[in-house]
Amino acid sequence: RESQVELREHIDSLATELCRINEDQKVALDLDPYVKKLLNARRRVVLVNNILQNAQVRGHGAFWGSQSPPQVLTGDFCRVQERLRRLNHSVAKETVRRRAMLEAGGYQAK
């Protein structure tokens, strides 16, 4: 979490520095796209930081009292990911099989 805060502060200082450089330049450089990229990166860092904070609250049960907190679905996520991997593998095998049938002339149009 501390690294997220440090990263956010560093991004803020870079954005400020780019704005200052842009104002000080005699040659008109368009740094706006870079500032926007930095701001988008900052937004993502803040989002990840919020997710981490919420996960910590759930993990410690401080917010939920005597009730059991909703669990982070790591196990379920891993199972879904494994299922998707196997499904992707099956689709790839079927694609190879059908391509081989087509190339061998074994395909019969209906």
N, C-alpha and C. Protein backbone atom coordinates (compact mmCIF):
# COMPACT_ATOMS: atom_id res chain seq x y z
N ARG A 1 0.82 -1.18 0.00
CA ARG A 1 0.00 0.00 0.00
C ARG A 1 0.86 1.25 0.00
N GLU A 2 1.94 1.21 0.76
CA GLU A 2 2.83 2.37 0.81
C GLU A 2 3.43 2.65 -0.56
N SER A 3 3.77 1.59 -1.28
CA SER A 3 4.36 1.79 -2.61
C SER A 3 3.35 2.40 -3.56
N GLN A 4 2.06 2.06 -3.39
CA GLN A 4 1.02 2.66 -4.22
C GLN A 4 0.93 4.16 -3.95
N VAL A 5 0.99 4.54 -2.68
CA VAL A 5 0.92 5.96 -2.33
C VAL A 5 2.14 6.70 -2.87
N GLU A 6 3.32 6.09 -2.72
CA GLU A 6 4.55 6.71 -3.25
C GLU A 6 4.47 6.87 -4.76
N LEU A 7 3.96 5.85 -5.44
CA LEU A 7 3.83 5.91 -6.89
C LEU A 7 2.87 7.02 -7.29
N ARG A 8 1.75 7.13 -6.59
CA ARG A 8 0.77 8.17 -6.88
C ARG A 8 1.40 9.55 -6.69
N GLU A 9 2.16 9.74 -5.61
CA GLU A 9 2.82 11.02 -5.36
C GLU A 9 3.85 11.32 -6.45
N HIS A 10 4.58 10.29 -6.87
CA HIS A 10 5.59 10.48 -7.92
C HIS A 10 4.92 10.87 -9.24
N ILE A 11 3.81 10.23 -9.55
CA ILE A 11 3.07 10.56 -10.78
C ILE A 11 2.57 12.00 -10.71
N ASP A 12 2.05 12.41 -9.55
CA ASP A 12 1.60 13.80 -9.39
C ASP A 12 2.73 14.79 -9.61
N SER A 13 3.91 14.48 -9.04
CA SER A 13 5.04 15.41 -9.20
C SER A 13 5.51 15.45 -10.66
N LEU A 14 5.48 14.30 -11.34
CA LEU A 14 5.86 14.29 -12.77
C LEU A 14 4.87 15.10 -13.60
N ALA A 15 3.59 14.97 -13.31
CA ALA A 15 2.58 15.72 -14.06
C ALA A 15 2.77 17.22 -13.83
N THR A 16 3.04 17.61 -12.59
CA THR A 16 3.29 19.01 -12.28
C THR A 16 4.53 19.51 -13.00
N GLU A 17 5.57 18.70 -12.99
CA GLU A 17 6.83 19.07 -13.65
C GLU A 17 6.62 19.22 -15.17
N LEU A 18 5.86 18.31 -15.77
CA LEU A 18 5.59 18.41 -17.21
C LEU A 18 4.81 19.68 -17.53
N CYS A 19 3.84 20.01 -16.69
CA CYS A 19 3.08 21.24 -16.91
C CYS A 19 3.99 22.47 -16.81
N ARG A 20 4.89 22.46 -15.83
CA ARG A 20 5.83 23.58 -15.65
C ARG A 20 6.76 23.69 -16.85
N ILE A 21 7.28 22.55 -17.31
CA ILE A 21 8.18 22.55 -18.48
C ILE A 21 7.43 23.06 -19.70
N ASN A 22 6.20 22.62 -19.86
CA ASN A 22 5.40 23.04 -21.00
C ASN A 22 5.19 24.55 -20.99
N GLU A 23 4.97 25.13 -19.82
CA GLU A 23 4.77 26.58 -19.73
C GLU A 23 6.08 27.34 -19.96
N ASP A 24 7.21 26.76 -19.54
CA ASP A 24 8.51 27.43 -19.64
C ASP A 24 9.14 27.33 -21.03
N GLN A 25 8.72 26.39 -21.83
CA GLN A 25 9.33 26.17 -23.14
C GLN A 25 9.01 27.33 -24.07
N LYS A 26 10.04 27.78 -24.78
CA LYS A 26 9.81 28.81 -25.79
C LYS A 26 9.23 28.16 -27.05
N VAL A 27 9.71 26.95 -27.33
CA VAL A 27 9.17 26.20 -28.45
C VAL A 27 7.91 25.50 -27.94
N ALA A 28 6.88 25.61 -28.70
CA ALA A 28 5.61 25.03 -28.25
C ALA A 28 5.64 23.52 -28.44
N LEU A 29 5.88 22.82 -27.35
CA LEU A 29 5.81 21.36 -27.37
C LEU A 29 4.46 20.95 -26.82
N ASP A 30 3.86 19.98 -27.44
CA ASP A 30 2.57 19.52 -26.96
C ASP A 30 2.79 18.37 -25.98
N LEU A 31 2.81 18.71 -24.71
CA LEU A 31 3.00 17.70 -23.67
C LEU A 31 1.67 17.23 -23.09
N ASP A 32 0.57 17.77 -23.58
CA ASP A 32 -0.73 17.38 -23.05
C ASP A 32 -0.99 15.88 -23.12
N PRO A 33 -0.64 15.20 -24.22
CA PRO A 33 -0.88 13.75 -24.24
C PRO A 33 -0.12 13.02 -23.13
N TYR A 34 1.08 13.49 -22.83
CA TYR A 34 1.88 12.85 -21.78
C TYR A 34 1.29 13.12 -20.40
N VAL A 35 0.80 14.33 -20.22
CA VAL A 35 0.14 14.65 -18.95
C VAL A 35 -1.10 13.79 -18.78
N LYS A 36 -1.85 13.63 -19.87
CA LYS A 36 -3.06 12.79 -19.80
C LYS A 36 -2.70 11.34 -19.47
N LYS A 37 -1.61 10.84 -20.07
CA LYS A 37 -1.18 9.47 -19.76
C LYS A 37 -0.81 9.34 -18.30
N LEU A 38 -0.11 10.33 -17.78
CA LEU A 38 0.26 10.30 -16.36
C LEU A 38 -0.98 10.34 -15.47
N LEU A 39 -1.95 11.16 -15.83
CA LEU A 39 -3.17 11.24 -15.04
C LEU A 39 -3.95 9.93 -15.10
N ASN A 40 -3.96 9.30 -16.27
CA ASN A 40 -4.62 7.99 -16.37
C ASN A 40 -3.90 6.95 -15.53
N ALA A 41 -2.57 7.00 -15.54
CA ALA A 41 -1.80 6.07 -14.71
C ALA A 41 -2.08 6.32 -13.24
N ARG A 42 -2.18 7.59 -12.85
CA ARG A 42 -2.49 7.92 -11.47
C ARG A 42 -3.87 7.38 -11.09
N ARG A 43 -4.83 7.53 -11.98
CA ARG A 43 -6.18 7.03 -11.71
C ARG A 43 -6.15 5.53 -11.48
N ARG A 44 -5.38 4.81 -12.30
CA ARG A 44 -5.28 3.35 -12.13
C ARG A 44 -4.61 2.99 -10.82
N VAL A 45 -3.58 3.76 -10.44
CA VAL A 45 -2.90 3.51 -9.16
C VAL A 45 -3.87 3.71 -8.01
N VAL A 46 -4.66 4.78 -8.07
CA VAL A 46 -5.65 5.03 -7.02
C VAL A 46 -6.67 3.90 -6.97
N LEU A 47 -7.09 3.43 -8.13
CA LEU A 47 -8.05 2.33 -8.18
C LEU A 47 -7.48 1.07 -7.54
N VAL A 48 -6.25 0.73 -7.88
CA VAL A 48 -5.61 -0.46 -7.30
C VAL A 48 -5.44 -0.29 -5.80
N ASN A 49 -5.08 0.91 -5.38
CA ASN A 49 -4.93 1.18 -3.95
C ASN A 49 -6.25 0.98 -3.22
N ASN A 50 -7.35 1.46 -3.80
CA ASN A 50 -8.67 1.26 -3.19
C ASN A 50 -9.03 -0.22 -3.11
N ILE A 51 -8.72 -0.96 -4.16
CA ILE A 51 -9.01 -2.40 -4.16
C ILE A 51 -8.21 -3.09 -3.07
N LEU A 52 -6.93 -2.72 -2.94
CA LEU A 52 -6.10 -3.32 -1.90
C LEU A 52 -6.62 -2.98 -0.51
N GLN A 53 -7.04 -1.74 -0.31
CA GLN A 53 -7.59 -1.35 0.99
C GLN A 53 -8.85 -2.14 1.31
N ASN A 54 -9.74 -2.29 0.32
CA ASN A 54 -10.97 -3.05 0.53
C ASN A 54 -10.67 -4.50 0.83
N ALA A 55 -9.68 -5.07 0.15
CA ALA A 55 -9.32 -6.46 0.40
C ALA A 55 -8.76 -6.62 1.81
N GLN A 56 -8.01 -5.64 2.28
CA GLN A 56 -7.48 -5.71 3.64
C GLN A 56 -8.59 -5.62 4.66
N VAL A 57 -9.58 -4.77 4.42
CA VAL A 57 -10.71 -4.66 5.34
C VAL A 57 -11.46 -5.98 5.40
N ARG A 58 -11.68 -6.59 4.26
CA ARG A 58 -12.37 -7.88 4.23
C ARG A 58 -11.56 -8.95 4.92
N GLY A 59 -10.26 -8.93 4.68
CA GLY A 59 -9.39 -9.96 5.23
C GLY A 59 -9.29 -9.90 6.74
N HIS A 60 -9.36 -8.70 7.32
CA HIS A 60 -9.21 -8.57 8.76
C HIS A 60 -10.54 -8.68 9.49
N GLY A 61 -11.65 -8.57 8.79
CA GLY A 61 -12.96 -8.70 9.41
C GLY A 61 -13.32 -7.53 10.31
N ALA A 62 -12.57 -6.44 10.24
CA ALA A 62 -12.83 -5.30 11.12
C ALA A 62 -14.19 -4.67 10.81
N PHE A 63 -14.56 -4.65 9.58
CA PHE A 63 -15.80 -4.01 9.18
C PHE A 63 -17.01 -4.89 9.43
N TRP A 64 -16.84 -6.19 9.41
CA TRP A 64 -17.97 -7.11 9.42
C TRP A 64 -18.38 -7.58 10.81
N GLY A 65 -17.58 -7.30 11.83
CA GLY A 65 -17.96 -7.67 13.19
C GLY A 65 -18.10 -9.17 13.34
N SER A 66 -19.25 -9.61 13.86
CA SER A 66 -19.44 -11.04 14.12
C SER A 66 -19.82 -11.81 12.86
N GLN A 67 -20.28 -11.10 11.84
CA GLN A 67 -20.63 -11.79 10.59
C GLN A 67 -19.36 -12.19 9.86
N SER A 68 -19.48 -13.25 9.08
CA SER A 68 -18.31 -13.64 8.30
C SER A 68 -18.20 -12.72 7.09
N PRO A 69 -17.02 -12.20 6.82
CA PRO A 69 -16.84 -11.28 5.69
C PRO A 69 -16.92 -12.03 4.37
N PRO A 70 -17.33 -11.36 3.30
CA PRO A 70 -17.28 -12.02 2.00
C PRO A 70 -15.83 -12.30 1.64
N GLN A 71 -15.56 -13.48 1.20
CA GLN A 71 -14.19 -13.88 0.90
C GLN A 71 -13.78 -13.40 -0.48
N VAL A 72 -12.53 -13.09 -0.61
CA VAL A 72 -11.97 -12.78 -1.92
C VAL A 72 -11.99 -14.09 -2.69
N LEU A 73 -12.50 -14.07 -3.89
CA LEU A 73 -12.75 -15.30 -4.63
C LEU A 73 -11.51 -15.81 -5.34
N THR A 74 -10.43 -15.91 -4.63
CA THR A 74 -9.19 -16.36 -5.27
C THR A 74 -9.33 -17.78 -5.76
N GLY A 75 -9.85 -18.67 -4.91
CA GLY A 75 -10.02 -20.06 -5.30
C GLY A 75 -10.96 -20.20 -6.47
N ASP A 76 -12.10 -19.50 -6.40
CA ASP A 76 -13.06 -19.55 -7.50
C ASP A 76 -12.45 -18.98 -8.76
N PHE A 77 -11.71 -17.89 -8.62
CA PHE A 77 -11.08 -17.27 -9.78
C PHE A 77 -10.10 -18.24 -10.43
N CYS A 78 -9.32 -18.94 -9.60
CA CYS A 78 -8.35 -19.90 -10.14
C CYS A 78 -9.06 -21.03 -10.87
N ARG A 79 -10.19 -21.49 -10.31
CA ARG A 79 -10.94 -22.56 -10.97
C ARG A 79 -11.51 -22.08 -12.30
N VAL A 80 -12.03 -20.87 -12.32
CA VAL A 80 -12.57 -20.32 -13.56
C VAL A 80 -11.46 -20.15 -14.58
N GLN A 81 -10.32 -19.66 -14.12
CA GLN A 81 -9.18 -19.47 -15.02
C GLN A 81 -8.72 -20.81 -15.60
N GLU A 82 -8.67 -21.84 -14.77
CA GLU A 82 -8.27 -23.17 -15.23
C GLU A 82 -9.29 -23.71 -16.23
N ARG A 83 -10.56 -23.48 -15.94
CA ARG A 83 -11.61 -23.94 -16.85
C ARG A 83 -11.50 -23.24 -18.20
N LEU A 84 -11.26 -21.94 -18.17
CA LEU A 84 -11.09 -21.20 -19.42
C LEU A 84 -9.86 -21.69 -20.19
N ARG A 85 -8.80 -22.01 -19.47
CA ARG A 85 -7.59 -22.52 -20.13
C ARG A 85 -7.89 -23.83 -20.83
N ARG A 86 -8.62 -24.74 -20.13
CA ARG A 86 -8.95 -26.03 -20.74
C ARG A 86 -9.88 -25.86 -21.93
N LEU A 87 -10.85 -24.95 -21.80
CA LEU A 87 -11.78 -24.69 -22.90
C LEU A 87 -11.02 -24.13 -24.11
N ASN A 88 -10.11 -23.21 -23.88
CA ASN A 88 -9.30 -22.65 -24.95
C ASN A 88 -8.47 -23.74 -25.62
N HIS A 89 -7.92 -24.64 -24.82
CA HIS A 89 -7.13 -25.75 -25.35
C HIS A 89 -8.01 -26.66 -26.22
N SER A 90 -9.22 -26.96 -25.74
CA SER A 90 -10.14 -27.81 -26.51
C SER A 90 -10.52 -27.17 -27.84
N VAL A 91 -10.78 -25.86 -27.80
CA VAL A 91 -11.13 -25.14 -29.02
C VAL A 91 -9.97 -25.18 -30.00
N ALA A 92 -8.75 -24.99 -29.51
CA ALA A 92 -7.57 -25.03 -30.38
C ALA A 92 -7.40 -26.41 -31.00
N LYS A 93 -7.60 -27.47 -30.20
CA LYS A 93 -7.49 -28.83 -30.74
C LYS A 93 -8.55 -29.09 -31.80
N GLU A 94 -9.77 -28.65 -31.54
CA GLU A 94 -10.85 -28.84 -32.52
C GLU A 94 -10.57 -28.07 -33.80
N THR A 95 -10.02 -26.88 -33.67
CA THR A 95 -9.67 -26.08 -34.85
C THR A 95 -8.62 -26.79 -35.69
N VAL A 96 -7.61 -27.33 -35.03
CA VAL A 96 -6.56 -28.07 -35.74
C VAL A 96 -7.15 -29.30 -36.42
N ARG A 97 -8.03 -30.01 -35.72
CA ARG A 97 -8.64 -31.22 -36.28
C ARG A 97 -9.47 -30.87 -37.52
N ARG A 98 -10.28 -29.82 -37.43
CA ARG A 98 -11.12 -29.45 -38.57
C ARG A 98 -10.28 -28.94 -39.74
N ARG A 99 -9.22 -28.20 -39.43
CA ARG A 99 -8.35 -27.71 -40.50
C ARG A 99 -7.69 -28.89 -41.23
N ALA A 100 -7.28 -29.90 -40.46
CA ALA A 100 -6.66 -31.09 -41.05
C ALA A 100 -7.66 -31.83 -41.93
N MET A 101 -8.92 -31.91 -41.48
CA MET A 101 -9.95 -32.57 -42.29
C MET A 101 -10.17 -31.82 -43.59
N LEU A 102 -10.21 -30.49 -43.52
CA LEU A 102 -10.41 -29.69 -44.73
C LEU A 102 -9.25 -29.87 -45.71
N GLU A 103 -8.03 -29.85 -45.19
CA GLU A 103 -6.87 -29.99 -46.05
C GLU A 103 -6.76 -31.39 -46.63
N ALA A 104 -7.25 -32.38 -45.92
CA ALA A 104 -7.18 -33.76 -46.41
C ALA A 104 -8.33 -34.08 -47.35
N GLY A 105 -9.27 -33.15 -47.50
CA GLY A 105 -10.40 -33.39 -48.38
C GLY A 105 -11.49 -34.21 -47.71
N GLY A 106 -11.44 -34.33 -46.43
CA GLY A 106 -12.43 -35.11 -45.71
C GLY A 106 -13.68 -34.33 -45.38
N TYR A 107 -13.75 -33.09 -45.80
CA TYR A 107 -14.92 -32.27 -45.50
C TYR A 107 -15.99 -32.52 -46.54
N GLN A 108 -17.20 -32.77 -46.08
CA GLN A 108 -18.31 -32.97 -47.00
C GLN A 108 -19.34 -31.89 -46.73
N ALA A 109 -19.57 -31.04 -47.72
CA ALA A 109 -20.52 -29.94 -47.56
C ALA A 109 -21.93 -30.47 -47.52
N LYS A 110 -22.74 -29.87 -46.68
CA LYS A 110 -24.15 -30.29 -46.59
C LYS A 110 -25.02 -29.32 -47.32
